[in-house]
PDB file of N, CA and C in Angstrom:
ATOM      1  N   VAL A   1       0.852  -1.178   0.000  1.00  0.00           N
ATOM      2  CA  VAL A   1       0.000   0.000   0.000  1.00  0.00           C
ATOM      3  C   VAL A   1       0.889   1.229   0.000  1.00  0.00           C
ATOM      4  N   VAL A   2       0.536   2.182  -0.830  1.00  0.00           N
ATOM      5  CA  VAL A   2       1.304   3.414  -0.960  1.00  0.00           C
ATOM      6  C   VAL A   2       0.622   4.508  -0.145  1.00  0.00           C
ATOM      7  N   ALA A   3       1.416   5.255   0.598  1.00  0.00           N
ATOM      8  CA  ALA A   3       0.877   6.372   1.378  1.00  0.00           C
ATOM      9  C   ALA A   3       0.404   7.476   0.428  1.00  0.00           C
ATOM     10  N   PRO A   4      -0.654   8.190   0.793  1.00  0.00           N
ATOM     11  CA  PRO A   4      -1.186   9.231  -0.103  1.00  0.00           C
ATOM     12  C   PRO A   4      -0.160  10.273  -0.519  1.00  0.00           C
ATOM     13  N   HIS A   5       0.713  10.683   0.396  1.00  0.00           N
ATOM     14  CA  HIS A   5       1.680  11.731   0.039  1.00  0.00           C
ATOM     15  C   HIS A   5       2.707  11.258  -0.978  1.00  0.00           C
ATOM     16  N   GLU A   6       2.840   9.943  -1.169  1.00  0.00           N
ATOM     17  CA  GLU A   6       3.799   9.416  -2.131  1.00  0.00           C
ATOM     18  C   GLU A   6       3.285   9.524  -3.570  1.00  0.00           C
ATOM     19  N   HIS A   7       2.012   9.722  -3.738  1.00  0.00           N
ATOM     20  CA  HIS A   7       1.460   9.922  -5.082  1.00  0.00           C
ATOM     21  C   HIS A   7       0.532  11.137  -5.067  1.00  0.00           C
ATOM     22  N   ALA A   8       1.027  12.211  -4.463  1.00  0.00           N
ATOM     23  CA  ALA A   8       0.239  13.435  -4.302  1.00  0.00           C
ATOM     24  C   ALA A   8      -0.189  14.021  -5.643  1.00  0.00           C
ATOM     25  N   HIS A   9       0.706  14.010  -6.625  1.00  0.00           N
ATOM     26  CA  HIS A   9       0.369  14.604  -7.926  1.00  0.00           C
ATOM     27  C   HIS A   9      -0.830  13.898  -8.559  1.00  0.00           C
ATOM     28  N   THR A  10      -0.875  12.587  -8.464  1.00  0.00           N
ATOM     29  CA  THR A  10      -1.988  11.831  -9.028  1.00  0.00           C
ATOM     30  C   THR A  10      -3.285  12.146  -8.294  1.00  0.00           C
ATOM     31  N   LEU A  11      -3.215  12.201  -6.968  1.00  0.00           N
ATOM     32  CA  LEU A  11      -4.414  12.504  -6.193  1.00  0.00           C
ATOM     33  C   LEU A  11      -4.891  13.935  -6.423  1.00  0.00           C
ATOM     34  N   VAL A  12      -3.963  14.867  -6.609  1.00  0.00           N
ATOM     35  CA  VAL A  12      -4.343  16.251  -6.905  1.00  0.00           C
ATOM     36  C   VAL A  12      -5.060  16.314  -8.255  1.00  0.00           C
ATOM     37  N   LYS A  13      -4.570  15.576  -9.226  1.00  0.00           N
ATOM     38  CA  LYS A  13      -5.236  15.549 -10.535  1.00  0.00           C
ATOM     39  C   LYS A  13      -6.627  14.924 -10.425  1.00  0.00           C
ATOM     40  N   PHE A  14      -6.731  13.864  -9.631  1.00  0.00           N
ATOM     41  CA  PHE A  14      -8.035  13.237  -9.424  1.00  0.00           C
ATOM     42  C   PHE A  14      -8.996  14.211  -8.742  1.00  0.00           C
ATOM     43  N   ALA A  15      -8.511  14.933  -7.746  1.00  0.00           N
ATOM     44  CA  ALA A  15      -9.344  15.925  -7.058  1.00  0.00           C
ATOM     45  C   ALA A  15      -9.801  17.011  -8.030  1.00  0.00           C
ATOM     46  N   ALA A  16      -8.918  17.409  -8.943  1.00  0.00           N
ATOM     47  CA  ALA A  16      -9.277  18.428  -9.942  1.00  0.00           C
ATOM     48  C   ALA A  16     -10.378  17.910 -10.870  1.00  0.00           C
ATOM     49  N   LEU A  17     -10.282  16.652 -11.266  1.00  0.00           N
ATOM     50  CA  LEU A  17     -11.340  16.062 -12.101  1.00  0.00           C
ATOM     51  C   LEU A  17     -12.664  16.023 -11.349  1.00  0.00           C
ATOM     52  N   CYS A  18     -12.609  15.637 -10.089  1.00  0.00           N
ATOM     53  CA  CYS A  18     -13.825  15.601  -9.271  1.00  0.00           C
ATOM     54  C   CYS A  18     -14.435  16.992  -9.165  1.00  0.00           C
ATOM     55  N   ARG A  19     -13.592  17.990  -8.924  1.00  0.00           N
ATOM     56  CA  ARG A  19     -14.065  19.371  -8.802  1.00  0.00           C
ATOM     57  C   ARG A  19     -14.692  19.838 -10.118  1.00  0.00           C
ATOM     58  N   ALA A  20     -14.058  19.524 -11.232  1.00  0.00           N
ATOM     59  CA  ALA A  20     -14.559  19.945 -12.544  1.00  0.00           C
ATOM     60  C   ALA A  20     -15.908  19.303 -12.873  1.00  0.00           C
ATOM     61  N   LYS A  21     -16.126  18.111 -12.375  1.00  0.00           N
ATOM     62  CA  LYS A  21     -17.380  17.400 -12.645  1.00  0.00           C
ATOM     63  C   LYS A  21     -18.434  17.637 -11.565  1.00  0.00           C
ATOM     64  N   GLY A  22     -18.127  18.522 -10.613  1.00  0.00           N
ATOM     65  CA  GLY A  22     -19.095  18.846  -9.578  1.00  0.00           C
ATOM     66  C   GLY A  22     -19.177  17.849  -8.443  1.00  0.00           C
ATOM     67  N   ARG A  23     -18.226  16.966  -8.354  1.00  0.00           N
ATOM     68  CA  ARG A  23     -18.203  15.955  -7.283  1.00  0.00           C
ATOM     69  C   ARG A  23     -17.391  16.497  -6.106  1.00  0.00           C
ATOM     70  N   MET A  24     -17.931  17.526  -5.468  1.00  0.00           N
ATOM     71  CA  MET A  24     -17.193  18.253  -4.441  1.00  0.00           C
ATOM     72  C   MET A  24     -16.903  17.400  -3.206  1.00  0.00           C
ATOM     73  N   ARG A  25     -17.816  16.543  -2.838  1.00  0.00           N
ATOM     74  CA  ARG A  25     -17.587  15.703  -1.657  1.00  0.00           C
ATOM     75  C   ARG A  25     -16.414  14.748  -1.905  1.00  0.00           C
ATOM     76  N   LEU A  26     -16.351  14.163  -3.094  1.00  0.00           N
ATOM     77  CA  LEU A  26     -15.245  13.270  -3.430  1.00  0.00           C
ATOM     78  C   LEU A  26     -13.936  14.050  -3.526  1.00  0.00           C
ATOM     79  N   CYS A  27     -14.003  15.257  -4.054  1.00  0.00           N
ATOM     80  CA  CYS A  27     -12.827  16.127  -4.109  1.00  0.00           C
ATOM     81  C   CYS A  27     -12.326  16.408  -2.695  1.00  0.00           C
ATOM     82  N   ALA A  28     -13.241  16.765  -1.795  1.00  0.00           N
ATOM     83  CA  ALA A  28     -12.865  17.055  -0.407  1.00  0.00           C
ATOM     84  C   ALA A  28     -12.266  15.831   0.267  1.00  0.00           C
ATOM     85  N   ARG A  29     -12.846  14.680   0.025  1.00  0.00           N
ATOM     86  CA  ARG A  29     -12.333  13.460   0.645  1.00  0.00           C
ATOM     87  C   ARG A  29     -10.925  13.145   0.145  1.00  0.00           C
ATOM     88  N   THR A  30     -10.696  13.329  -1.145  1.00  0.00           N
ATOM     89  CA  THR A  30      -9.374  13.081  -1.726  1.00  0.00           C
ATOM     90  C   THR A  30      -8.340  14.040  -1.150  1.00  0.00           C
ATOM     91  N   LEU A  31      -8.685  15.312  -1.076  1.00  0.00           N
ATOM     92  CA  LEU A  31      -7.759  16.292  -0.508  1.00  0.00           C
ATOM     93  C   LEU A  31      -7.531  16.033   0.976  1.00  0.00           C
ATOM     94  N   GLY A  32      -8.574  15.604   1.673  1.00  0.00           N
ATOM     95  CA  GLY A  32      -8.426  15.258   3.086  1.00  0.00           C
ATOM     96  C   GLY A  32      -7.431  14.131   3.296  1.00  0.00           C
ATOM     97  N   GLU A  33      -7.436  13.157   2.400  1.00  0.00           N
ATOM     98  CA  GLU A  33      -6.460  12.065   2.483  1.00  0.00           C
ATOM     99  C   GLU A  33      -5.039  12.594   2.348  1.00  0.00           C
ATOM    100  N   LEU A  34      -4.855  13.573   1.495  1.00  0.00           N
ATOM    101  CA  LEU A  34      -3.523  14.145   1.293  1.00  0.00           C
ATOM    102  C   LEU A  34      -3.071  14.967   2.491  1.00  0.00           C
ATOM    103  N   ILE A  35      -4.009  15.599   3.154  1.00  0.00           N
ATOM    104  CA  ILE A  35      -3.641  16.485   4.255  1.00  0.00           C
ATOM    105  C   ILE A  35      -3.363  15.693   5.521  1.00  0.00           C
ATOM    106  N   ASP A  36      -4.348  14.952   5.983  1.00  0.00           N
ATOM    107  CA  ASP A  36      -4.110  14.204   7.221  1.00  0.00           C
ATOM    108  C   ASP A  36      -5.002  12.985   7.373  1.00  0.00           C
ATOM    109  N   GLY A  37      -5.645  12.606   6.319  1.00  0.00           N
ATOM    110  CA  GLY A  37      -6.439  11.392   6.362  1.00  0.00           C
ATOM    111  C   GLY A  37      -7.840  11.565   6.908  1.00  0.00           C
ATOM    112  N   THR A  38      -8.253  12.802   7.198  1.00  0.00           N
ATOM    113  CA  THR A  38      -9.604  13.006   7.707  1.00  0.00           C
ATOM    114  C   THR A  38     -10.498  13.591   6.624  1.00  0.00           C
ATOM    115  N   LEU A  39     -11.782  13.457   6.841  1.00  0.00           N
ATOM    116  CA  LEU A  39     -12.742  13.990   5.887  1.00  0.00           C
ATOM    117  C   LEU A  39     -13.207  15.384   6.278  1.00  0.00           C
ATOM    118  N   SER A  40     -12.806  15.844   7.448  1.00  0.00           N
ATOM    119  CA  SER A  40     -13.240  17.161   7.915  1.00  0.00           C
ATOM    120  C   SER A  40     -12.661  18.245   7.029  1.00  0.00           C
ATOM    121  N   GLU A  41     -13.557  19.085   6.486  1.00  0.00           N
ATOM    122  CA  GLU A  41     -13.077  20.146   5.620  1.00  0.00           C
ATOM    123  C   GLU A  41     -13.216  21.507   6.287  1.00  0.00           C
ATOM    124  N   GLY A  42     -13.601  21.532   7.546  1.00  0.00           N
ATOM    125  CA  GLY A  42     -13.854  22.781   8.241  1.00  0.00           C
ATOM    126  C   GLY A  42     -12.666  23.719   8.300  1.00  0.00           C
ATOM    127  N   ASP A  43     -11.491  23.184   8.393  1.00  0.00           N
ATOM    128  CA  ASP A  43     -10.301  24.033   8.499  1.00  0.00           C
ATOM    129  C   ASP A  43      -9.246  23.627   7.478  1.00  0.00           C
ATOM    130  N   PHE A  44      -9.697  23.284   6.283  1.00  0.00           N
ATOM    131  CA  PHE A  44      -8.780  22.881   5.208  1.00  0.00           C
ATOM    132  C   PHE A  44      -7.652  23.878   5.016  1.00  0.00           C
ATOM    133  N   GLU A  45      -8.005  25.166   5.017  1.00  0.00           N
ATOM    134  CA  GLU A  45      -6.995  26.171   4.709  1.00  0.00           C
ATOM    135  C   GLU A  45      -5.886  26.200   5.749  1.00  0.00           C
ATOM    136  N   LEU A  46      -6.183  25.852   6.991  1.00  0.00           N
ATOM    137  CA  LEU A  46      -5.161  25.844   8.039  1.00  0.00           C
ATOM    138  C   LEU A  46      -4.287  24.601   7.959  1.00  0.00           C
ATOM    139  N   ARG A  47      -4.893  23.484   7.612  1.00  0.00           N
ATOM    140  CA  ARG A  47      -4.152  22.226   7.585  1.00  0.00           C
ATOM    141  C   ARG A  47      -3.385  22.016   6.294  1.00  0.00           C
ATOM    142  N   ALA A  48      -3.704  22.746   5.236  1.00  0.00           N
ATOM    143  CA  ALA A  48      -3.096  22.503   3.926  1.00  0.00           C
ATOM    144  C   ALA A  48      -1.702  23.086   3.797  1.00  0.00           C
ATOM    145  N   LEU A  49      -1.447  24.213   4.420  1.00  0.00           N
ATOM    146  CA  LEU A  49      -0.197  24.935   4.186  1.00  0.00           C
ATOM    147  C   LEU A  49       1.066  24.143   4.523  1.00  0.00           C
ATOM    148  N   PRO A  50       1.099  23.377   5.608  1.00  0.00           N
ATOM    149  CA  PRO A  50       2.341  22.646   5.912  1.00  0.00           C
ATOM    150  C   PRO A  50       2.672  21.519   4.926  1.00  0.00           C
ATOM    151  N   HIS A  51       1.745  21.164   4.071  1.00  0.00           N
ATOM    152  CA  HIS A  51       1.966  20.060   3.140  1.00  0.00           C
ATOM    153  C   HIS A  51       2.590  20.564   1.844  1.00  0.00           C
ATOM    154  N   GLU A  52       2.769  19.665   0.900  1.00  0.00           N
ATOM    155  CA  GLU A  52       3.357  20.044  -0.387  1.00  0.00           C
ATOM    156  C   GLU A  52       2.614  21.237  -0.971  1.00  0.00           C
ATOM    157  N   PRO A  53       3.333  22.183  -1.570  1.00  0.00           N
ATOM    158  CA  PRO A  53       2.669  23.351  -2.152  1.00  0.00           C
ATOM    159  C   PRO A  53       1.585  22.994  -3.169  1.00  0.00           C
ATOM    160  N   ILE A  54       1.782  21.919  -3.928  1.00  0.00           N
ATOM    161  CA  ILE A  54       0.764  21.529  -4.911  1.00  0.00           C
ATOM    162  C   ILE A  54      -0.543  21.144  -4.216  1.00  0.00           C
ATOM    163  N   VAL A  55      -0.437  20.592  -3.020  1.00  0.00           N
ATOM    164  CA  VAL A  55      -1.630  20.224  -2.253  1.00  0.00           C
ATOM    165  C   VAL A  55      -2.332  21.483  -1.746  1.00  0.00           C
ATOM    166  N   ALA A  56      -1.562  22.432  -1.239  1.00  0.00           N
ATOM    167  CA  ALA A  56      -2.148  23.691  -0.761  1.00  0.00           C
ATOM    168  C   ALA A  56      -2.855  24.419  -1.905  1.00  0.00           C
ATOM    169  N   HIS A  57      -2.253  24.404  -3.088  1.00  0.00           N
ATOM    170  CA  HIS A  57      -2.876  25.036  -4.258  1.00  0.00           C
ATOM    171  C   HIS A  57      -4.182  24.332  -4.612  1.00  0.00           C
ATOM    172  N   ALA A  58      -4.184  23.020  -4.579  1.00  0.00           N
ATOM    173  CA  ALA A  58      -5.400  22.256  -4.886  1.00  0.00           C
ATOM    174  C   ALA A  58      -6.495  22.538  -3.861  1.00  0.00           C
ATOM    175  N   VAL A  59      -6.116  22.653  -2.598  1.00  0.00           N
ATOM    176  CA  VAL A  59      -7.097  22.965  -1.560  1.00  0.00           C
ATOM    177  C   VAL A  59      -7.676  24.355  -1.793  1.00  0.00           C
ATOM    178  N   ALA A  60      -6.836  25.309  -2.170  1.00  0.00           N
ATOM    179  CA  ALA A  60      -7.325  26.665  -2.454  1.00  0.00           C
ATOM    180  C   ALA A  60      -8.333  26.639  -3.602  1.00  0.00           C
ATOM    181  N   LYS A  61      -8.055  25.867  -4.633  1.00  0.00           N
ATOM    182  CA  LYS A  61      -8.984  25.781  -5.762  1.00  0.00           C
ATOM    183  C   LYS A  61     -10.300  25.129  -5.337  1.00  0.00           C
ATOM    184  N   TYR A  62     -10.215  24.138  -4.472  1.00  0.00           N
ATOM    185  CA  TYR A  62     -11.424  23.510  -3.937  1.00  0.00           C
ATOM    186  C   TYR A  62     -12.236  24.526  -3.125  1.00  0.00           C
ATOM    187  N   LEU A  63     -11.554  25.261  -2.255  1.00  0.00           N
ATOM    188  CA  LEU A  63     -12.244  26.255  -1.434  1.00  0.00           C
ATOM    189  C   LEU A  63     -12.949  27.289  -2.307  1.00  0.00           C
ATOM    190  N   TRP A  64     -12.268  27.732  -3.357  1.00  0.00           N
ATOM    191  CA  TRP A  64     -12.855  28.719  -4.266  1.00  0.00           C
ATOM    192  C   TRP A  64     -14.105  28.147  -4.937  1.00  0.00           C
ATOM    193  N   ALA A  65     -13.995  26.940  -5.441  1.00  0.00           N
ATOM    194  CA  ALA A  65     -15.119  26.316  -6.146  1.00  0.00           C
ATOM    195  C   ALA A  65     -16.296  26.027  -5.216  1.00  0.00           C
ATOM    196  N   SER A  66     -16.011  25.822  -3.937  1.00  0.00           N
ATOM    197  CA  SER A  66     -17.091  25.518  -2.994  1.00  0.00           C
ATOM    198  C   SER A  66     -17.652  26.774  -2.329  1.00  0.00           C
ATOM    199  N   GLY A  67     -17.235  27.943  -2.809  1.00  0.00           N
ATOM    200  CA  GLY A  67     -17.808  29.184  -2.317  1.00  0.00           C
ATOM    201  C   GLY A  67     -17.096  29.823  -1.139  1.00  0.00           C
ATOM    202  N   ARG A  68     -16.021  29.234  -0.689  1.00  0.00           N
ATOM    203  CA  ARG A  68     -15.268  29.783   0.446  1.00  0.00           C
ATOM    204  C   ARG A  68     -14.125  30.639  -0.098  1.00  0.00           C
ATOM    205  N   ARG A  69     -14.499  31.683  -0.796  1.00  0.00           N
ATOM    206  CA  ARG A  69     -13.541  32.496  -1.541  1.00  0.00           C
ATOM    207  C   ARG A  69     -12.564  33.272  -0.673  1.00  0.00           C
ATOM    208  N   PRO A  70     -12.979  33.886   0.428  1.00  0.00           N
ATOM    209  CA  PRO A  70     -11.979  34.576   1.260  1.00  0.00           C
ATOM    210  C   PRO A  70     -10.902  33.622   1.788  1.00  0.00           C
ATOM    211  N   GLN A  71     -11.311  32.418   2.183  1.00  0.00           N
ATOM    212  CA  GLN A  71     -10.344  31.435   2.674  1.00  0.00           C
ATOM    213  C   GLN A  71      -9.407  30.985   1.563  1.00  0.00           C
ATOM    214  N   ALA A  72      -9.933  30.839   0.354  1.00  0.00           N
ATOM    215  CA  ALA A  72      -9.101  30.430  -0.782  1.00  0.00           C
ATOM    216  C   ALA A  72      -8.040  31.477  -1.078  1.00  0.00           C
ATOM    217  N   LYS A  73      -8.448  32.744  -1.107  1.00  0.00           N
ATOM    218  CA  LYS A  73      -7.483  33.816  -1.377  1.00  0.00           C
ATOM    219  C   LYS A  73      -6.436  33.903  -0.277  1.00  0.00           C
ATOM    220  N   GLU A  74      -6.872  33.773   0.963  1.00  0.00           N
ATOM    221  CA  GLU A  74      -5.921  33.856   2.078  1.00  0.00           C
ATOM    222  C   GLU A  74      -4.923  32.705   2.030  1.00  0.00           C
ATOM    223  N   LEU A  75      -5.380  31.512   1.680  1.00  0.00           N
ATOM    224  CA  LEU A  75      -4.467  30.373   1.579  1.00  0.00           C
ATOM    225  C   LEU A  75      -3.408  30.625   0.508  1.00  0.00           C
ATOM    226  N   LEU A  76      -3.801  31.147  -0.646  1.00  0.00           N
ATOM    227  CA  LEU A  76      -2.817  31.435  -1.696  1.00  0.00           C
ATOM    228  C   LEU A  76      -1.865  32.544  -1.269  1.00  0.00           C
ATOM    229  N   ARG A  77      -2.388  33.567  -0.592  1.00  0.00           N
ATOM    230  CA  ARG A  77      -1.505  34.638  -0.101  1.00  0.00           C
ATOM    231  C   ARG A  77      -0.472  34.083   0.869  1.00  0.00           C
ATOM    232  N   ARG A  78      -0.928  33.240   1.790  1.00  0.00           N
ATOM    233  CA  ARG A  78       0.001  32.643   2.762  1.00  0.00           C
ATOM    234  C   ARG A  78       0.998  31.722   2.070  1.00  0.00           C
ATOM    235  N   LEU A  79       0.546  30.987   1.077  1.00  0.00           N
ATOM    236  CA  LEU A  79       1.441  30.106   0.327  1.00  0.00           C
ATOM    237  C   LEU A  79       2.555  30.923  -0.314  1.00  0.00           C
ATOM    238  N   LEU A  80       2.203  32.042  -0.909  1.00  0.00           N
ATOM    239  CA  LEU A  80       3.220  32.907  -1.524  1.00  0.00           C
ATOM    240  C   LEU A  80       4.136  33.525  -0.475  1.00  0.00           C
ATOM    241  N   ARG A  81       3.544  34.008   0.590  1.00  0.00           N
ATOM    242  CA  ARG A  81       4.314  34.701   1.619  1.00  0.00           C
ATOM    243  C   ARG A  81       5.262  33.754   2.366  1.00  0.00           C
ATOM    244  N   GLU A  82       4.784  32.574   2.719  1.00  0.00           N
ATOM    245  CA  GLU A  82       5.543  31.685   3.595  1.00  0.00           C
ATOM    246  C   GLU A  82       6.368  30.632   2.865  1.00  0.00           C
ATOM    247  N   ARG A  83       5.998  30.316   1.622  1.00  0.00           N
ATOM    248  CA  ARG A  83       6.674  29.184   0.973  1.00  0.00           C
ATOM    249  C   ARG A  83       7.076  29.466  -0.465  1.00  0.00           C
ATOM    250  N   GLU A  84       7.162  30.726  -0.828  1.00  0.00           N
ATOM    251  CA  GLU A  84       7.466  31.088  -2.217  1.00  0.00           C
ATOM    252  C   GLU A  84       8.755  30.447  -2.712  1.00  0.00           C
ATOM    253  N   ALA A  85       9.766  30.371  -1.867  1.00  0.00           N
ATOM    254  CA  ALA A  85      11.058  29.812  -2.277  1.00  0.00           C
ATOM    255  C   ALA A  85      10.954  28.333  -2.660  1.00  0.00           C
ATOM    256  N   GLU A  86       9.959  27.633  -2.124  1.00  0.00           N
ATOM    257  CA  GLU A  86       9.795  26.205  -2.407  1.00  0.00           C
ATOM    258  C   GLU A  86       9.005  25.936  -3.687  1.00  0.00           C
ATOM    259  N   LEU A  87       8.313  26.942  -4.183  1.00  0.00           N
ATOM    260  CA  LEU A  87       7.441  26.734  -5.340  1.00  0.00           C
ATOM    261  C   LEU A  87       8.251  26.631  -6.623  1.00  0.00           C
ATOM    262  N   GLU A  88       7.995  25.585  -7.374  1.00  0.00           N
ATOM    263  CA  GLU A  88       8.597  25.481  -8.700  1.00  0.00           C
ATOM    264  C   GLU A  88       7.916  26.511  -9.588  1.00  0.00           C
ATOM    265  N   ARG A  89       8.632  26.982 -10.589  1.00  0.00           N
ATOM    266  CA  ARG A  89       8.131  28.090 -11.404  1.00  0.00           C
ATOM    267  C   ARG A  89       6.727  27.849 -11.979  1.00  0.00           C
ATOM    268  N   PRO A  90       6.414  26.677 -12.558  1.00  0.00           N
ATOM    269  CA  PRO A  90       5.056  26.499 -13.100  1.00  0.00           C
ATOM    270  C   PRO A  90       3.965  26.659 -12.032  1.00  0.00           C
ATOM    271  N   LEU A  91       4.209  26.116 -10.847  1.00  0.00           N
ATOM    272  CA  LEU A  91       3.222  26.245  -9.779  1.00  0.00           C
ATOM    273  C   LEU A  91       3.163  27.682  -9.270  1.00  0.00           C
ATOM    274  N   LEU A  92       4.299  28.332  -9.170  1.00  0.00           N
ATOM    275  CA  LEU A  92       4.332  29.736  -8.752  1.00  0.00           C
ATOM    276  C   LEU A  92       3.485  30.586  -9.696  1.00  0.00           C
ATOM    277  N   LEU A  93       3.632  30.355 -10.993  1.00  0.00           N
ATOM    278  CA  LEU A  93       2.846  31.105 -11.974  1.00  0.00           C
ATOM    279  C   LEU A  93       1.353  30.819 -11.832  1.00  0.00           C
ATOM    280  N   LYS A  94       0.994  29.564 -11.589  1.00  0.00           N
ATOM    281  CA  LYS A  94      -0.415  29.219 -11.398  1.00  0.00           C
ATOM    282  C   LYS A  94      -0.994  29.911 -10.171  1.00  0.00           C
ATOM    283  N   VAL A  95      -0.216  29.945  -9.100  1.00  0.00           N
ATOM    284  CA  VAL A  95      -0.681  30.571  -7.861  1.00  0.00           C
ATOM    285  C   VAL A  95      -0.885  32.069  -8.063  1.00  0.00           C
ATOM    286  N   VAL A  96       0.091  32.728  -8.666  1.00  0.00           N
ATOM    287  CA  VAL A  96      -0.006  34.171  -8.889  1.00  0.00           C
ATOM    288  C   VAL A  96      -1.164  34.493  -9.833  1.00  0.00           C
ATOM    289  N   LEU A  97      -1.320  33.711 -10.887  1.00  0.00           N
ATOM    290  CA  LEU A  97      -2.407  33.929 -11.837  1.00  0.00           C
ATOM    291  C   LEU A  97      -3.771  33.738 -11.167  1.00  0.00           C
ATOM    292  N   ALA A  98      -3.914  32.670 -10.398  1.00  0.00           N
ATOM    293  CA  ALA A  98      -5.187  32.428  -9.711  1.00  0.00           C
ATOM    294  C   ALA A  98      -5.493  33.551  -8.733  1.00  0.00           C
ATOM    295  N   LEU A  99      -4.502  33.972  -7.982  1.00  0.00           N
ATOM    296  CA  LEU A  99      -4.719  35.043  -7.016  1.00  0.00           C
ATOM    297  C   LEU A  99      -5.118  36.338  -7.718  1.00  0.00           C
ATOM    298  N   GLY A 100      -4.472  36.635  -8.837  1.00  0.00           N
ATOM    299  CA  GLY A 100      -4.841  37.821  -9.605  1.00  0.00           C
ATOM    300  C   GLY A 100      -6.264  37.754 -10.133  1.00  0.00           C
ATOM    301  N   ARG A 101      -6.640  36.614 -10.680  1.00  0.00           N
ATOM    302  CA  ARG A 101      -8.004  36.441 -11.200  1.00  0.00           C
ATOM    303  C   ARG A 101      -9.031  36.545 -10.078  1.00  0.00           C
ATOM    304  N   TRP A 102      -8.721  35.895  -8.963  1.00  0.00           N
ATOM    305  CA  TRP A 102      -9.668  35.885  -7.856  1.00  0.00           C
ATOM    306  C   TRP A 102      -9.815  37.264  -7.233  1.00  0.00           C
ATOM    307  N   ASN A 103      -8.759  38.041  -7.211  1.00  0.00           N
ATOM    308  CA  ASN A 103      -8.850  39.390  -6.653  1.00  0.00           C
ATOM    309  C   ASN A 103      -9.698  40.296  -7.530  1.00  0.00           C
ATOM    310  N   GLU A 104      -9.743  40.023  -8.827  1.00  0.00           N
ATOM    311  CA  GLU A 104     -10.556  40.824  -9.740  1.00  0.00           C
ATOM    312  C   GLU A 104     -12.033  40.471  -9.674  1.00  0.00           C
ATOM    313  N   SER A 105     -12.345  39.266  -9.227  1.00  0.00           N
ATOM    314  CA  SER A 105     -13.760  38.863  -9.220  1.00  0.00           C
ATOM    315  C   SER A 105     -14.443  39.183  -7.907  1.00  0.00           C
TER     316      SER A 105
END
């Protein structure tokens, strides 16, 4: 059995597919597995930041899609502020672009 964090990229892609198809509960459950194995989504934004940046970005996108827009923006701001040096350029660009788009809406 492989631990969820060992195939985070695959699970993040699966969560994105779930989100795109409107399967928000399955998306939340998948992201919960990546964060700490729980299904509780009440404080996703707090629990996501210490994990891989790609996971924090996926959680922010989930929060945005589920209507928790202030929390989504704050998570991306914190990701940039606290972990910018760890972000690979493609992910950094995605984070900055999403934050810019979200601030305009």
